[in-house]
All heavy atoms as atom14 arrays in JSON, in Angstrom:
{
  "sequence": "GAIFYASGLVFAVSAAVLVLRDLCLALAGRLGEA",
  "atom14_mask": [
    [1, 1, 1, 1, 0, 0, 0, 0, 0, 0, 0, 0, 0, 0],
    [1, 1, 1, 1, 1, 0, 0, 0, 0, 0, 0, 0, 0, 0],
    [1, 1, 1, 1, 1, 1, 1, 1, 0, 0, 0, 0, 0, 0],
    [1, 1, 1, 1, 1, 1, 1, 1, 1, 1, 1, 0, 0, 0],
    [1, 1, 1, 1, 1, 1, 1, 1, 1, 1, 1, 1, 0, 0],
    [1, 1, 1, 1, 1, 0, 0, 0, 0, 0, 0, 0, 0, 0],
    [1, 1, 1, 1, 1, 1, 0, 0, 0, 0, 0, 0, 0, 0],
    [1, 1, 1, 1, 0, 0, 0, 0, 0, 0, 0, 0, 0, 0],
    [1, 1, 1, 1, 1, 1, 1, 1, 0, 0, 0, 0, 0, 0],
    [1, 1, 1, 1, 1, 1, 1, 0, 0, 0, 0, 0, 0, 0],
    [1, 1, 1, 1, 1, 1, 1, 1, 1, 1, 1, 0, 0, 0],
    [1, 1, 1, 1, 1, 0, 0, 0, 0, 0, 0, 0, 0, 0],
    [1, 1, 1, 1, 1, 1, 1, 0, 0, 0, 0, 0, 0, 0],
    [1, 1, 1, 1, 1, 1, 0, 0, 0, 0, 0, 0, 0, 0],
    [1, 1, 1, 1, 1, 0, 0, 0, 0, 0, 0, 0, 0, 0],
    [1, 1, 1, 1, 1, 0, 0, 0, 0, 0, 0, 0, 0, 0],
    [1, 1, 1, 1, 1, 1, 1, 0, 0, 0, 0, 0, 0, 0],
    [1, 1, 1, 1, 1, 1, 1, 1, 0, 0, 0, 0, 0, 0],
    [1, 1, 1, 1, 1, 1, 1, 0, 0, 0, 0, 0, 0, 0],
    [1, 1, 1, 1, 1, 1, 1, 1, 0, 0, 0, 0, 0, 0],
    [1, 1, 1, 1, 1, 1, 1, 1, 1, 1, 1, 0, 0, 0],
    [1, 1, 1, 1, 1, 1, 1, 1, 0, 0, 0, 0, 0, 0],
    [1, 1, 1, 1, 1, 1, 1, 1, 0, 0, 0, 0, 0, 0],
    [1, 1, 1, 1, 1, 1, 0, 0, 0, 0, 0, 0, 0, 0],
    [1, 1, 1, 1, 1, 1, 1, 1, 0, 0, 0, 0, 0, 0],
    [1, 1, 1, 1, 1, 0, 0, 0, 0, 0, 0, 0, 0, 0],
    [1, 1, 1, 1, 1, 1, 1, 1, 0, 0, 0, 0, 0, 0],
    [1, 1, 1, 1, 1, 0, 0, 0, 0, 0, 0, 0, 0, 0],
    [1, 1, 1, 1, 0, 0, 0, 0, 0, 0, 0, 0, 0, 0],
    [1, 1, 1, 1, 1, 1, 1, 1, 1, 1, 1, 0, 0, 0],
    [1, 1, 1, 1, 1, 1, 1, 1, 0, 0, 0, 0, 0, 0],
    [1, 1, 1, 1, 0, 0, 0, 0, 0, 0, 0, 0, 0, 0],
    [1, 1, 1, 1, 1, 1, 1, 1, 1, 0, 0, 0, 0, 0],
    [1, 1, 1, 1, 1, 0, 0, 0, 0, 0, 0, 0, 0, 0]
  ],
  "atom14_positions": [
    [[10.5, -22.79, -28.41], [9.07, -22.87, -28.21], [8.28, -22.85, -29.51], [7.11, -23.21, -29.53], [0.0, 0.0, 0.0], [0.0, 0.0, 0.0], [0.0, 0.0, 0.0], [0.0, 0.0, 0.0], [0.0, 0.0, 0.0], [0.0, 0.0, 0.0], [0.0, 0.0, 0.0], [0.0, 0.0, 0.0], [0.0, 0.0, 0.0], [0.0, 0.0, 0.0]],
    [[8.95, -22.45, -30.61], [8.27, -22.43, -31.9], [7.88, -23.83, -32.35], [6.92, -24.0, -33.11], [9.18, -21.79, -32.95], [0.0, 0.0, 0.0], [0.0, 0.0, 0.0], [0.0, 0.0, 0.0], [0.0, 0.0, 0.0], [0.0, 0.0, 0.0], [0.0, 0.0, 0.0], [0.0, 0.0, 0.0], [0.0, 0.0, 0.0], [0.0, 0.0, 0.0]],
    [[8.61, -24.86, -31.9], [8.29, -26.23, -32.29], [6.88, -26.59, -31.83], [6.14, -27.28, -32.53], [9.32, -27.2, -31.69], [10.71, -26.87, -32.22], [8.95, -28.65, -32.0], [11.81, -27.7, -31.58], [0.0, 0.0, 0.0], [0.0, 0.0, 0.0], [0.0, 0.0, 0.0], [0.0, 0.0, 0.0], [0.0, 0.0, 0.0], [0.0, 0.0, 0.0]],
    [[6.51, -26.13, -30.65], [5.19, -26.43, -30.1], [4.09, -25.85, -30.99], [3.1, -26.52, -31.31], [5.1, -25.86, -28.69], [3.8, -26.13, -27.99], [3.59, -27.33, -27.33], [2.77, -25.2, -28.01], [2.39, -27.59, -26.68], [1.57, -25.45, -27.36], [1.38, -26.65, -26.7], [0.0, 0.0, 0.0], [0.0, 0.0, 0.0], [0.0, 0.0, 0.0]],
    [[4.25, -24.61, -31.43], [3.21, -23.94, -32.21], [3.27, -24.3, -33.69], [2.32, -24.02, -34.43], [3.33, -22.43, -32.04], [3.06, -21.98, -30.62], [4.12, -21.71, -29.75], [1.78, -21.84, -30.14], [3.88, -21.31, -28.44], [1.53, -21.44, -28.84], [2.59, -21.18, -28.0], [2.35, -20.8, -26.7], [0.0, 0.0, 0.0], [0.0, 0.0, 0.0]],
    [[4.35, -24.93, -34.12], [4.46, -25.33, -35.52], [3.43, -26.41, -35.86], [3.07, -26.57, -37.04], [5.87, -25.84, -35.82], [0.0, 0.0, 0.0], [0.0, 0.0, 0.0], [0.0, 0.0, 0.0], [0.0, 0.0, 0.0], [0.0, 0.0, 0.0], [0.0, 0.0, 0.0], [0.0, 0.0, 0.0], [0.0, 0.0, 0.0], [0.0, 0.0, 0.0]],
    [[2.95, -27.12, -34.86], [1.93, -28.14, -35.12], [0.65, -27.52, -35.7], [0.03, -28.08, -36.61], [1.61, -28.89, -33.83], [1.17, -27.99, -32.82], [0.0, 0.0, 0.0], [0.0, 0.0, 0.0], [0.0, 0.0, 0.0], [0.0, 0.0, 0.0], [0.0, 0.0, 0.0], [0.0, 0.0, 0.0], [0.0, 0.0, 0.0], [0.0, 0.0, 0.0]],
    [[0.28, -26.37, -35.19], [-0.9, -25.68, -35.73], [-0.68, -25.22, -37.16], [-1.6, -25.25, -37.98], [0.0, 0.0, 0.0], [0.0, 0.0, 0.0], [0.0, 0.0, 0.0], [0.0, 0.0, 0.0], [0.0, 0.0, 0.0], [0.0, 0.0, 0.0], [0.0, 0.0, 0.0], [0.0, 0.0, 0.0], [0.0, 0.0, 0.0], [0.0, 0.0, 0.0]],
    [[0.55, -24.8, -37.46], [0.87, -24.36, -38.82], [0.77, -25.53, -39.8], [0.2, -25.39, -40.89], [2.28, -23.76, -38.84], [2.7, -23.07, -40.13], [1.91, -21.79, -40.34], [4.2, -22.75, -40.09], [0.0, 0.0, 0.0], [0.0, 0.0, 0.0], [0.0, 0.0, 0.0], [0.0, 0.0, 0.0], [0.0, 0.0, 0.0], [0.0, 0.0, 0.0]],
    [[1.32, -26.67, -39.41], [1.27, -27.86, -40.28], [-0.17, -28.27, -40.51], [-0.57, -28.6, -41.64], [2.08, -29.01, -39.65], [1.86, -30.31, -40.42], [3.56, -28.66, -39.61], [0.0, 0.0, 0.0], [0.0, 0.0, 0.0], [0.0, 0.0, 0.0], [0.0, 0.0, 0.0], [0.0, 0.0, 0.0], [0.0, 0.0, 0.0], [0.0, 0.0, 0.0]],
    [[-0.97, -28.26, -39.45], [-2.37, -28.64, -39.61], [-3.11, -27.67, -40.52], [-3.89, -28.08, -41.38], [-3.07, -28.7, -38.26], [-4.56, -28.88, -38.38], [-5.1, -30.12, -38.66], [-5.42, -27.79, -38.24], [-6.46, -30.29, -38.8], [-6.78, -27.96, -38.37], [-7.31, -29.21, -38.65], [0.0, 0.0, 0.0], [0.0, 0.0, 0.0], [0.0, 0.0, 0.0]],
    [[-2.88, -26.37, -40.34], [-3.6, -25.37, -41.14], [-3.31, -25.54, -42.63], [-4.23, -25.52, -43.46], [-3.23, -23.97, -40.67], [0.0, 0.0, 0.0], [0.0, 0.0, 0.0], [0.0, 0.0, 0.0], [0.0, 0.0, 0.0], [0.0, 0.0, 0.0], [0.0, 0.0, 0.0], [0.0, 0.0, 0.0], [0.0, 0.0, 0.0], [0.0, 0.0, 0.0]],
    [[-2.03, -25.72, -42.97], [-1.66, -25.87, -44.38], [-2.23, -27.17, -44.94], [-2.8, -27.2, -46.04], [-0.13, -25.82, -44.53], [0.28, -26.13, -45.98], [0.41, -24.46, -44.12], [0.0, 0.0, 0.0], [0.0, 0.0, 0.0], [0.0, 0.0, 0.0], [0.0, 0.0, 0.0], [0.0, 0.0, 0.0], [0.0, 0.0, 0.0], [0.0, 0.0, 0.0]],
    [[-2.06, -28.27, -44.19], [-2.55, -29.56, -44.66], [-4.07, -29.56, -44.81], [-4.61, -30.07, -45.79], [-2.13, -30.67, -43.69], [-0.72, -30.7, -43.53], [0.0, 0.0, 0.0], [0.0, 0.0, 0.0], [0.0, 0.0, 0.0], [0.0, 0.0, 0.0], [0.0, 0.0, 0.0], [0.0, 0.0, 0.0], [0.0, 0.0, 0.0], [0.0, 0.0, 0.0]],
    [[-4.77, -28.98, -43.84], [-6.23, -28.94, -43.9], [-6.7, -28.1, -45.08], [-7.66, -28.48, -45.77], [-6.79, -28.38, -42.6], [0.0, 0.0, 0.0], [0.0, 0.0, 0.0], [0.0, 0.0, 0.0], [0.0, 0.0, 0.0], [0.0, 0.0, 0.0], [0.0, 0.0, 0.0], [0.0, 0.0, 0.0], [0.0, 0.0, 0.0], [0.0, 0.0, 0.0]],
    [[-6.04, -26.98, -45.33], [-6.43, -26.14, -46.46], [-6.27, -26.88, -47.78], [-7.14, -26.8, -48.66], [-5.6, -24.86, -46.47], [0.0, 0.0, 0.0], [0.0, 0.0, 0.0], [0.0, 0.0, 0.0], [0.0, 0.0, 0.0], [0.0, 0.0, 0.0], [0.0, 0.0, 0.0], [0.0, 0.0, 0.0], [0.0, 0.0, 0.0], [0.0, 0.0, 0.0]],
    [[-5.18, -27.64, -47.92], [-4.96, -28.41, -49.16], [-6.06, -29.47, -49.33], [-6.61, -29.64, -50.42], [-3.57, -29.06, -49.14], [-3.41, -30.03, -50.31], [-2.49, -27.99, -49.2], [0.0, 0.0, 0.0], [0.0, 0.0, 0.0], [0.0, 0.0, 0.0], [0.0, 0.0, 0.0], [0.0, 0.0, 0.0], [0.0, 0.0, 0.0], [0.0, 0.0, 0.0]],
    [[-6.38, -30.17, -48.25], [-7.41, -31.21, -48.34], [-8.78, -30.62, -48.63], [-9.56, -31.19, -49.42], [-7.44, -32.0, -47.03], [-6.22, -32.85, -46.73], [-6.32, -33.48, -45.35], [-6.03, -33.93, -47.79], [0.0, 0.0, 0.0], [0.0, 0.0, 0.0], [0.0, 0.0, 0.0], [0.0, 0.0, 0.0], [0.0, 0.0, 0.0], [0.0, 0.0, 0.0]],
    [[-9.1, -29.49, -48.02], [-10.4, -28.85, -48.27], [-10.48, -28.37, -49.71], [-11.52, -28.54, -50.38], [-10.61, -27.69, -47.27], [-11.83, -26.87, -47.67], [-10.78, -28.22, -45.86], [0.0, 0.0, 0.0], [0.0, 0.0, 0.0], [0.0, 0.0, 0.0], [0.0, 0.0, 0.0], [0.0, 0.0, 0.0], [0.0, 0.0, 0.0], [0.0, 0.0, 0.0]],
    [[-9.41, -27.76, -50.21], [-9.39, -27.32, -51.61], [-9.52, -28.5, -52.56], [-10.19, -28.4, -53.6], [-8.1, -26.55, -51.89], [-8.02, -25.14, -51.31], [-6.61, -24.57, -51.52], [-9.05, -24.23, -51.95], [0.0, 0.0, 0.0], [0.0, 0.0, 0.0], [0.0, 0.0, 0.0], [0.0, 0.0, 0.0], [0.0, 0.0, 0.0], [0.0, 0.0, 0.0]],
    [[-8.9, -29.62, -52.21], [-9.02, -30.83, -53.04], [-10.47, -31.29, -53.1], [-10.98, -31.62, -54.18], [-8.13, -31.94, -52.48], [-8.3, -33.29, -53.15], [-7.29, -34.29, -52.6], [-7.55, -35.62, -53.1], [-8.29, -36.54, -52.48], [-8.84, -36.24, -51.31], [-8.48, -37.74, -53.0], [0.0, 0.0, 0.0], [0.0, 0.0, 0.0], [0.0, 0.0, 0.0]],
    [[-11.15, -31.31, -51.96], [-12.56, -31.71, -51.96], [-13.42, -30.74, -52.77], [-14.34, -31.16, -53.47], [-13.08, -31.79, -50.52], [-12.55, -33.01, -49.78], [-12.13, -33.97, -50.44], [-12.55, -32.99, -48.53], [0.0, 0.0, 0.0], [0.0, 0.0, 0.0], [0.0, 0.0, 0.0], [0.0, 0.0, 0.0], [0.0, 0.0, 0.0], [0.0, 0.0, 0.0]],
    [[-13.11, -29.45, -52.66], [-13.86, -28.48, -53.45], [-13.66, -28.69, -54.95], [-14.61, -28.61, -55.73], [-13.42, -27.06, -53.05], [-14.04, -26.48, -51.77], [-13.43, -25.12, -51.47], [-15.55, -26.37, -51.89], [0.0, 0.0, 0.0], [0.0, 0.0, 0.0], [0.0, 0.0, 0.0], [0.0, 0.0, 0.0], [0.0, 0.0, 0.0], [0.0, 0.0, 0.0]],
    [[-12.42, -28.96, -55.35], [-12.14, -29.21, -56.77], [-12.87, -30.45, -57.27], [-13.41, -30.48, -58.37], [-10.63, -29.35, -56.99], [-9.7, -27.82, -56.77], [0.0, 0.0, 0.0], [0.0, 0.0, 0.0], [0.0, 0.0, 0.0], [0.0, 0.0, 0.0], [0.0, 0.0, 0.0], [0.0, 0.0, 0.0], [0.0, 0.0, 0.0], [0.0, 0.0, 0.0]],
    [[-12.88, -31.51, -56.44], [-13.6, -32.73, -56.83], [-15.1, -32.46, -56.95], [-15.75, -32.99, -57.87], [-13.35, -33.83, -55.79], [-11.93, -34.41, -55.73], [-11.81, -35.4, -54.59], [-11.57, -35.07, -57.05], [0.0, 0.0, 0.0], [0.0, 0.0, 0.0], [0.0, 0.0, 0.0], [0.0, 0.0, 0.0], [0.0, 0.0, 0.0], [0.0, 0.0, 0.0]],
    [[-15.63, -31.65, -56.05], [-17.06, -31.32, -56.12], [-17.37, -30.49, -57.36], [-18.37, -30.73, -58.05], [-17.49, -30.58, -54.86], [0.0, 0.0, 0.0], [0.0, 0.0, 0.0], [0.0, 0.0, 0.0], [0.0, 0.0, 0.0], [0.0, 0.0, 0.0], [0.0, 0.0, 0.0], [0.0, 0.0, 0.0], [0.0, 0.0, 0.0], [0.0, 0.0, 0.0]],
    [[-16.52, -29.51, -57.66], [-16.74, -28.67, -58.83], [-16.61, -29.47, -60.13], [-17.29, -29.18, -61.11], [-15.74, -27.51, -58.84], [-15.98, -26.42, -57.78], [-14.81, -25.44, -57.77], [-17.28, -25.69, -58.04], [0.0, 0.0, 0.0], [0.0, 0.0, 0.0], [0.0, 0.0, 0.0], [0.0, 0.0, 0.0], [0.0, 0.0, 0.0], [0.0, 0.0, 0.0]],
    [[-15.72, -30.48, -60.12], [-15.53, -31.3, -61.31], [-16.59, -32.39, -61.45], [-16.58, -33.15, -62.42], [-14.14, -31.93, -61.29], [0.0, 0.0, 0.0], [0.0, 0.0, 0.0], [0.0, 0.0, 0.0], [0.0, 0.0, 0.0], [0.0, 0.0, 0.0], [0.0, 0.0, 0.0], [0.0, 0.0, 0.0], [0.0, 0.0, 0.0], [0.0, 0.0, 0.0]],
    [[-17.48, -32.48, -60.48], [-18.53, -33.48, -60.53], [-18.06, -34.89, -60.23], [-18.67, -35.86, -60.66], [0.0, 0.0, 0.0], [0.0, 0.0, 0.0], [0.0, 0.0, 0.0], [0.0, 0.0, 0.0], [0.0, 0.0, 0.0], [0.0, 0.0, 0.0], [0.0, 0.0, 0.0], [0.0, 0.0, 0.0], [0.0, 0.0, 0.0], [0.0, 0.0, 0.0]],
    [[-16.98, -35.01, -59.48], [-16.4, -36.33, -59.18], [-16.89, -36.88, -57.84], [-16.41, -37.93, -57.41], [-14.87, -36.25, -59.18], [-14.29, -35.92, -60.56], [-12.77, -35.8, -60.5], [-12.23, -35.5, -61.82], [-11.87, -36.43, -62.7], [-11.99, -37.71, -62.38], [-11.39, -36.1, -63.88], [0.0, 0.0, 0.0], [0.0, 0.0, 0.0], [0.0, 0.0, 0.0]],
    [[-17.79, -36.17, -57.18], [-18.33, -36.64, -55.91], [-19.77, -37.08, -56.1], [-20.57, -36.36, -56.7], [-18.27, -35.53, -54.85], [-16.87, -35.07, -54.41], [-16.99, -33.97, -53.37], [-16.04, -36.22, -53.86], [0.0, 0.0, 0.0], [0.0, 0.0, 0.0], [0.0, 0.0, 0.0], [0.0, 0.0, 0.0], [0.0, 0.0, 0.0], [0.0, 0.0, 0.0]],
    [[-20.09, -38.27, -55.62], [-21.46, -38.73, -55.66], [-22.3, -38.03, -54.61], [-21.79, -37.31, -53.75], [0.0, 0.0, 0.0], [0.0, 0.0, 0.0], [0.0, 0.0, 0.0], [0.0, 0.0, 0.0], [0.0, 0.0, 0.0], [0.0, 0.0, 0.0], [0.0, 0.0, 0.0], [0.0, 0.0, 0.0], [0.0, 0.0, 0.0], [0.0, 0.0, 0.0]],
    [[-23.6, -38.25, -54.67], [-24.49, -37.57, -53.72], [-24.18, -37.98, -52.29], [-24.22, -37.15, -51.37], [-25.95, -37.89, -54.06], [-26.94, -37.14, -53.19], [-28.37, -37.31, -53.64], [-28.6, -38.0, -54.67], [-29.28, -36.76, -52.96], [0.0, 0.0, 0.0], [0.0, 0.0, 0.0], [0.0, 0.0, 0.0], [0.0, 0.0, 0.0], [0.0, 0.0, 0.0]],
    [[-23.83, -39.25, -52.08], [-23.5, -39.7, -50.72], [-22.2, -39.08, -50.22], [-22.02, -38.88, -49.01], [-23.39, -41.23, -50.69], [0.0, 0.0, 0.0], [0.0, 0.0, 0.0], [0.0, 0.0, 0.0], [0.0, 0.0, 0.0], [0.0, 0.0, 0.0], [0.0, 0.0, 0.0], [0.0, 0.0, 0.0], [0.0, 0.0, 0.0], [0.0, 0.0, 0.0]]
  ]
}
């Protein structure tokens, strides 16, 4: 049954990496106003 709940784990880790990437781009000034 762990396979079923592993989907949430994969999403959480992947989402955190993507959110941190966007934050780093914003802090580095690489994001336009749009």
